[in-house]
N, C-alpha and C. Protein backbone atom coordinates (compact mmCIF):
# COMPACT_ATOMS: atom_id res chain seq x y z
N MET A 1 29.33 -5.45 -56.05
CA MET A 1 29.73 -5.40 -54.91
C MET A 1 27.90 -5.99 -54.10
N THR A 2 27.93 -6.33 -53.30
CA THR A 2 26.96 -7.03 -52.78
C THR A 2 26.67 -6.81 -51.27
N ARG A 3 25.54 -7.26 -50.64
CA ARG A 3 25.09 -7.42 -49.02
C ARG A 3 24.56 -8.69 -49.38
N SER A 4 24.15 -9.62 -50.27
CA SER A 4 23.26 -10.56 -50.28
C SER A 4 24.06 -11.73 -50.44
N VAL A 5 24.37 -12.67 -49.29
CA VAL A 5 24.98 -14.09 -49.21
C VAL A 5 23.87 -14.98 -50.53
N PRO A 6 23.20 -15.46 -50.02
CA PRO A 6 22.08 -16.00 -50.89
C PRO A 6 22.00 -15.62 -52.51
N GLU A 7 22.58 -14.58 -52.88
CA GLU A 7 23.05 -13.63 -54.06
C GLU A 7 24.65 -14.32 -54.82
N VAL A 8 25.19 -14.01 -53.47
CA VAL A 8 26.53 -14.45 -54.13
C VAL A 8 26.69 -16.13 -54.28
N ARG A 9 26.18 -17.14 -53.34
CA ARG A 9 25.74 -17.96 -53.97
C ARG A 9 25.30 -18.47 -54.90
N ARG A 10 24.48 -18.19 -55.41
CA ARG A 10 23.90 -18.73 -56.38
C ARG A 10 24.86 -17.76 -57.53
N GLY A 11 25.27 -16.92 -57.70
CA GLY A 11 26.68 -16.00 -58.41
C GLY A 11 27.38 -17.18 -59.17
N ALA A 12 27.87 -17.92 -57.83
CA ALA A 12 29.09 -18.42 -57.23
C ALA A 12 28.72 -20.15 -57.91
N ARG A 13 27.57 -20.67 -57.64
CA ARG A 13 27.16 -21.74 -58.29
C ARG A 13 27.03 -21.98 -60.13
N SER A 14 26.49 -20.21 -59.96
CA SER A 14 26.82 -20.18 -62.19
C SER A 14 27.73 -20.12 -62.83
N VAL A 15 28.87 -19.48 -62.02
CA VAL A 15 29.85 -19.37 -62.73
C VAL A 15 30.95 -20.86 -63.03
N LEU A 16 30.74 -21.26 -61.89
CA LEU A 16 31.27 -22.78 -61.19
C LEU A 16 30.73 -23.64 -62.36
N SER A 17 29.88 -23.62 -62.61
CA SER A 17 28.89 -24.91 -63.56
C SER A 17 29.53 -24.17 -65.18
N GLU A 18 29.31 -22.51 -65.74
CA GLU A 18 29.99 -22.50 -66.51
C GLU A 18 31.56 -23.17 -66.64
N TRP A 19 32.18 -22.39 -65.97
CA TRP A 19 33.26 -23.26 -65.92
C TRP A 19 33.57 -24.52 -65.97
N ARG A 20 32.68 -25.53 -65.83
CA ARG A 20 32.41 -27.47 -65.28
C ARG A 20 33.68 -27.60 -64.41
N ILE A 21 33.51 -26.72 -63.52
CA ILE A 21 34.24 -27.51 -62.37
C ILE A 21 33.51 -28.82 -61.72
N PRO A 22 34.52 -29.57 -61.08
CA PRO A 22 33.65 -30.72 -61.04
C PRO A 22 33.20 -30.90 -59.72
N THR A 23 31.83 -31.30 -59.57
CA THR A 23 30.87 -31.28 -58.45
C THR A 23 31.42 -31.07 -57.18
N ASP A 24 32.81 -32.07 -56.67
CA ASP A 24 33.01 -31.92 -55.46
C ASP A 24 33.62 -30.75 -55.16
N ALA A 25 34.51 -30.18 -56.21
CA ALA A 25 35.20 -28.74 -56.03
C ALA A 25 34.17 -28.11 -55.79
N ALA A 26 33.28 -27.94 -57.04
CA ALA A 26 32.58 -27.00 -56.95
C ALA A 26 31.39 -26.92 -55.37
N GLU A 27 31.27 -27.98 -54.75
CA GLU A 27 30.70 -27.99 -53.72
C GLU A 27 31.54 -26.75 -52.38
N ALA A 28 32.83 -28.07 -52.42
CA ALA A 28 33.44 -26.95 -51.47
C ALA A 28 33.48 -25.83 -51.97
N ILE A 29 33.86 -24.91 -53.00
CA ILE A 29 33.90 -23.21 -53.10
C ILE A 29 32.63 -22.84 -52.63
N GLU A 30 31.10 -23.28 -53.03
CA GLU A 30 30.21 -22.99 -52.72
C GLU A 30 30.12 -22.21 -51.32
N LEU A 31 30.30 -23.56 -50.14
CA LEU A 31 30.77 -23.49 -48.98
C LEU A 31 31.44 -22.33 -48.64
N ILE A 32 32.62 -22.64 -49.38
CA ILE A 32 33.56 -21.62 -48.59
C ILE A 32 33.14 -19.93 -49.26
N VAL A 33 32.45 -19.98 -50.24
CA VAL A 33 32.02 -18.57 -50.49
C VAL A 33 30.90 -18.73 -49.37
N SER A 34 30.07 -19.03 -49.38
CA SER A 34 29.28 -19.25 -48.29
C SER A 34 29.45 -18.39 -46.94
N GLU A 35 30.55 -19.24 -46.43
CA GLU A 35 30.80 -19.03 -45.42
C GLU A 35 31.86 -17.95 -45.30
N LEU A 36 32.48 -17.21 -46.06
CA LEU A 36 33.32 -16.08 -46.13
C LEU A 36 32.03 -15.17 -45.87
N SER A 37 31.24 -14.67 -46.86
CA SER A 37 30.29 -13.72 -47.40
C SER A 37 29.90 -13.47 -45.94
N THR A 38 29.01 -14.90 -44.90
CA THR A 38 28.35 -14.45 -44.16
C THR A 38 28.69 -13.67 -43.18
N ASN A 39 30.16 -14.26 -42.92
CA ASN A 39 31.38 -13.37 -41.98
C ASN A 39 31.54 -12.25 -42.45
N ALA A 40 31.38 -11.56 -43.75
CA ALA A 40 31.71 -10.19 -44.26
C ALA A 40 30.47 -9.68 -43.45
N VAL A 41 29.22 -10.02 -44.12
CA VAL A 41 28.07 -9.76 -43.29
C VAL A 41 27.76 -9.58 -41.62
N ARG A 42 28.31 -10.37 -41.24
CA ARG A 42 28.10 -10.61 -39.46
C ARG A 42 29.02 -9.26 -38.94
N HIS A 43 30.04 -9.60 -39.55
CA HIS A 43 31.24 -9.07 -38.49
C HIS A 43 32.07 -7.83 -39.24
N GLY A 44 32.05 -7.88 -40.84
CA GLY A 44 33.18 -7.01 -41.88
C GLY A 44 32.36 -5.73 -41.85
N ARG A 45 31.09 -5.26 -41.23
CA ARG A 45 29.89 -4.14 -41.97
C ARG A 45 30.83 -2.86 -41.59
N ALA A 46 30.48 -1.95 -42.84
CA ALA A 46 31.19 -0.62 -42.42
C ALA A 46 29.79 0.08 -42.90
N PRO A 47 29.64 0.96 -42.16
CA PRO A 47 28.29 1.99 -42.87
C PRO A 47 28.46 2.46 -44.39
N GLY A 48 27.75 2.39 -45.11
CA GLY A 48 27.79 2.71 -46.17
C GLY A 48 28.36 1.91 -47.46
N ARG A 49 29.34 0.48 -46.74
CA ARG A 49 29.32 -0.28 -47.55
C ARG A 49 29.30 -1.29 -47.36
N PHE A 50 29.33 -2.11 -48.78
CA PHE A 50 28.78 -3.64 -49.20
C PHE A 50 30.05 -4.63 -48.64
N PHE A 51 30.13 -5.82 -49.11
CA PHE A 51 31.07 -6.41 -49.38
C PHE A 51 31.49 -6.63 -51.03
N GLU A 52 32.54 -7.78 -51.50
CA GLU A 52 32.89 -8.30 -53.02
C GLU A 52 33.81 -9.46 -52.66
N VAL A 53 33.25 -10.06 -53.92
CA VAL A 53 33.41 -11.21 -54.04
C VAL A 53 34.14 -12.20 -55.31
N ALA A 54 34.94 -12.29 -55.34
CA ALA A 54 35.90 -12.29 -56.58
C ALA A 54 36.28 -14.50 -56.96
N LEU A 55 35.80 -15.09 -57.82
CA LEU A 55 36.41 -16.18 -58.54
C LEU A 55 37.15 -15.72 -59.58
N THR A 56 38.34 -16.86 -59.37
CA THR A 56 39.49 -16.71 -60.46
C THR A 56 39.38 -18.31 -60.99
N TYR A 57 39.80 -18.18 -61.93
CA TYR A 57 39.80 -20.26 -62.81
C TYR A 57 41.37 -19.68 -63.28
N ASP A 58 41.80 -20.67 -63.04
CA ASP A 58 43.58 -20.81 -63.65
C ASP A 58 43.25 -21.80 -65.09
N GLY A 59 41.87 -22.08 -65.43
CA GLY A 59 41.36 -22.84 -66.70
C GLY A 59 42.00 -24.34 -66.52
N GLU A 60 42.90 -24.75 -65.18
CA GLU A 60 43.44 -26.22 -65.12
C GLU A 60 43.21 -26.92 -63.96
N LYS A 61 43.35 -25.99 -62.58
CA LYS A 61 43.86 -27.10 -61.52
C LYS A 61 42.72 -26.20 -60.06
N ALA A 62 42.73 -25.36 -60.07
CA ALA A 62 42.45 -23.95 -59.26
C ALA A 62 41.92 -22.86 -59.63
N VAL A 63 40.54 -23.05 -58.62
CA VAL A 63 39.65 -21.46 -58.30
C VAL A 63 40.19 -20.92 -57.04
N ASP A 64 40.92 -19.28 -57.63
CA ASP A 64 40.88 -19.21 -55.97
C ASP A 64 39.43 -18.01 -55.98
N VAL A 65 39.39 -18.06 -54.43
CA VAL A 65 38.21 -17.21 -53.99
C VAL A 65 38.57 -16.11 -52.79
N GLU A 66 38.21 -14.73 -53.65
CA GLU A 66 38.35 -13.53 -52.70
C GLU A 66 37.11 -13.20 -52.11
N VAL A 67 37.17 -13.03 -50.80
CA VAL A 67 36.13 -12.00 -49.95
C VAL A 67 36.56 -11.22 -49.24
N SER A 68 36.19 -9.60 -49.66
CA SER A 68 36.69 -8.56 -49.42
C SER A 68 35.67 -7.40 -48.46
N ASP A 69 35.57 -6.65 -47.50
CA ASP A 69 35.55 -5.96 -47.12
C ASP A 69 35.31 -4.96 -46.38
N ALA A 70 34.85 -4.08 -45.63
CA ALA A 70 35.85 -2.58 -45.30
C ALA A 70 36.57 -2.36 -44.36
N SER A 71 35.74 -3.53 -43.37
CA SER A 71 36.08 -3.10 -42.38
C SER A 71 37.17 -3.65 -41.85
N SER A 72 38.05 -3.26 -41.03
CA SER A 72 39.73 -3.62 -40.61
C SER A 72 39.81 -4.76 -39.85
N ARG A 73 38.92 -4.95 -39.02
CA ARG A 73 38.48 -6.29 -37.84
C ARG A 73 38.87 -7.01 -38.74
N LEU A 74 40.17 -7.93 -38.07
CA LEU A 74 40.53 -9.47 -38.45
C LEU A 74 39.89 -10.32 -38.01
N PRO A 75 39.18 -11.45 -38.92
CA PRO A 75 38.38 -12.93 -38.12
C PRO A 75 39.54 -13.50 -37.42
N GLU A 76 38.89 -14.33 -36.71
CA GLU A 76 39.42 -15.11 -35.79
C GLU A 76 39.07 -16.71 -35.57
N SER A 77 39.94 -17.10 -35.56
CA SER A 77 39.77 -18.87 -36.03
C SER A 77 39.18 -18.99 -34.33
N GLN A 78 37.76 -19.54 -33.89
CA GLN A 78 37.69 -20.02 -32.69
C GLN A 78 37.55 -22.01 -33.03
N GLU A 79 37.21 -22.21 -31.33
CA GLU A 79 36.90 -23.81 -30.99
C GLU A 79 35.54 -23.38 -30.53
N PRO A 80 34.38 -23.37 -31.49
CA PRO A 80 33.30 -23.51 -30.31
C PRO A 80 33.04 -24.35 -29.69
N GLN A 81 31.85 -24.27 -29.04
CA GLN A 81 31.18 -25.19 -28.22
C GLN A 81 30.58 -26.47 -28.99
N LEU A 82 30.63 -27.35 -28.97
CA LEU A 82 29.43 -28.92 -29.10
C LEU A 82 28.47 -28.12 -29.82
N ASP A 83 27.82 -27.00 -28.94
CA ASP A 83 26.33 -26.55 -29.33
C ASP A 83 26.23 -25.37 -29.71
N ALA A 84 27.47 -24.78 -30.38
CA ALA A 84 27.54 -23.26 -30.90
C ALA A 84 26.87 -23.35 -32.25
N GLU A 85 25.86 -22.32 -32.30
CA GLU A 85 25.42 -22.27 -33.33
C GLU A 85 26.62 -21.54 -34.29
N SER A 86 27.50 -21.15 -34.00
CA SER A 86 28.73 -20.08 -35.25
C SER A 86 29.86 -20.50 -34.95
N GLY A 87 31.08 -19.81 -35.41
CA GLY A 87 32.26 -20.43 -34.87
C GLY A 87 32.94 -21.15 -36.03
N ARG A 88 32.42 -22.10 -36.31
CA ARG A 88 32.96 -23.01 -37.40
C ARG A 88 33.47 -22.75 -38.68
N GLY A 89 33.20 -21.32 -39.74
CA GLY A 89 33.50 -20.86 -40.38
C GLY A 89 35.06 -20.81 -40.87
N LEU A 90 35.66 -20.39 -40.53
CA LEU A 90 37.58 -20.56 -41.03
C LEU A 90 37.98 -21.67 -40.98
N PRO A 91 37.43 -22.82 -39.60
CA PRO A 91 37.90 -23.95 -39.75
C PRO A 91 37.19 -24.42 -40.96
N LEU A 92 36.28 -24.21 -41.22
CA LEU A 92 35.90 -25.27 -42.14
C LEU A 92 36.67 -24.66 -43.69
N VAL A 93 37.23 -23.30 -43.79
CA VAL A 93 37.50 -22.58 -44.74
C VAL A 93 39.14 -23.38 -44.91
N ALA A 94 39.18 -23.57 -44.17
CA ALA A 94 41.32 -24.33 -43.52
C ALA A 94 40.89 -25.74 -43.79
N ALA A 95 39.74 -26.52 -44.26
CA ALA A 95 39.55 -27.80 -44.16
C ALA A 95 39.67 -28.11 -45.58
N LEU A 96 38.80 -27.41 -46.27
CA LEU A 96 38.46 -27.45 -47.37
C LEU A 96 39.35 -26.73 -48.39
N ALA A 97 39.82 -25.83 -48.23
CA ALA A 97 40.87 -24.90 -49.26
C ALA A 97 42.58 -25.93 -49.11
N GLU A 98 42.71 -25.57 -50.31
CA GLU A 98 44.19 -26.21 -50.24
C GLU A 98 45.10 -25.26 -49.22
N SER A 99 44.94 -23.57 -49.59
CA SER A 99 45.08 -22.85 -48.65
C SER A 99 45.06 -22.05 -48.51
N TRP A 100 44.61 -20.92 -47.45
CA TRP A 100 44.01 -19.42 -47.16
C TRP A 100 44.81 -18.41 -46.40
N GLU A 101 44.36 -17.40 -46.66
CA GLU A 101 45.60 -16.40 -45.74
C GLU A 101 44.31 -14.80 -45.95
N LEU A 102 44.50 -13.83 -44.36
CA LEU A 102 43.84 -12.70 -45.07
C LEU A 102 45.16 -11.94 -45.50
N ARG A 103 44.44 -11.02 -46.32
CA ARG A 103 45.52 -10.00 -47.02
C ARG A 103 44.65 -8.58 -46.99
N GLY A 104 45.72 -7.52 -46.42
CA GLY A 104 45.27 -5.93 -46.25
C GLY A 104 44.93 -5.71 -47.26
N ARG A 105 44.32 -4.16 -47.41
CA ARG A 105 44.19 -3.92 -48.52
C ARG A 105 43.60 -2.40 -47.64
N VAL A 106 43.75 -1.03 -48.77
CA VAL A 106 43.76 0.41 -48.78
C VAL A 106 42.98 0.04 -47.45
N VAL A 107 41.46 0.03 -48.03
CA VAL A 107 40.56 0.01 -47.10
C VAL A 107 39.61 -0.99 -47.15
N GLY A 108 40.23 -2.01 -45.52
CA GLY A 108 39.44 -3.19 -45.33
C GLY A 108 40.73 -4.47 -45.42
N LYS A 109 39.57 -5.43 -45.76
CA LYS A 109 40.70 -6.72 -45.59
C LYS A 109 40.24 -7.65 -46.82
N THR A 110 41.04 -8.63 -47.21
CA THR A 110 40.41 -9.71 -48.19
C THR A 110 41.15 -11.22 -47.65
N VAL A 111 39.51 -12.48 -47.63
CA VAL A 111 40.20 -13.06 -47.25
C VAL A 111 40.22 -14.39 -48.79
N TRP A 112 41.50 -14.50 -48.91
CA TRP A 112 41.38 -15.48 -50.16
C TRP A 112 41.74 -17.48 -49.66
N ALA A 113 41.36 -18.06 -51.46
CA ALA A 113 41.31 -19.18 -50.75
C ALA A 113 41.35 -19.77 -51.77
N ARG A 114 42.50 -21.05 -51.95
CA ARG A 114 42.24 -21.77 -52.78
C ARG A 114 41.89 -23.54 -52.99
N VAL A 115 41.11 -23.32 -53.83
CA VAL A 115 40.99 -24.56 -54.00
C VAL A 115 40.82 -25.78 -55.18
N LEU A 116 41.91 -26.83 -54.90
CA LEU A 116 42.15 -27.30 -56.31
C LEU A 116 40.58 -27.60 -56.75
N THR A 117 40.85 -28.22 -58.65
CA THR A 117 39.44 -28.77 -59.14
C THR A 117 39.86 -30.19 -59.56
N GLN A 118 41.00 -30.40 -59.16
CA GLN A 118 41.34 -32.12 -59.69
C GLN A 118 41.99 -33.00 -58.37
């Protein structure tokens, strides 16, 4: 568990490198991890709780990203104004991922996304 988005990005970059994920897919995954982690920090905080990030590689063609937090508040996709500094995270995830969804947990929620590596 962590509270640091930069720490999560560095960890994801390291794991993706070890797995030898192609650069374009790795960059998309890093961006998804960063966006979902930032959402967890900004909107999913619960007192005394952190957020969790999991990456799973099937060894062939896809990496799954899971970012979980303890808040029951669900993320909402927005259409931000052109000059807005936030509100683009979920549309970005939707554009970069093959698929994504919200998953309930006993405490909080998980945002899951799958990125194809081939």
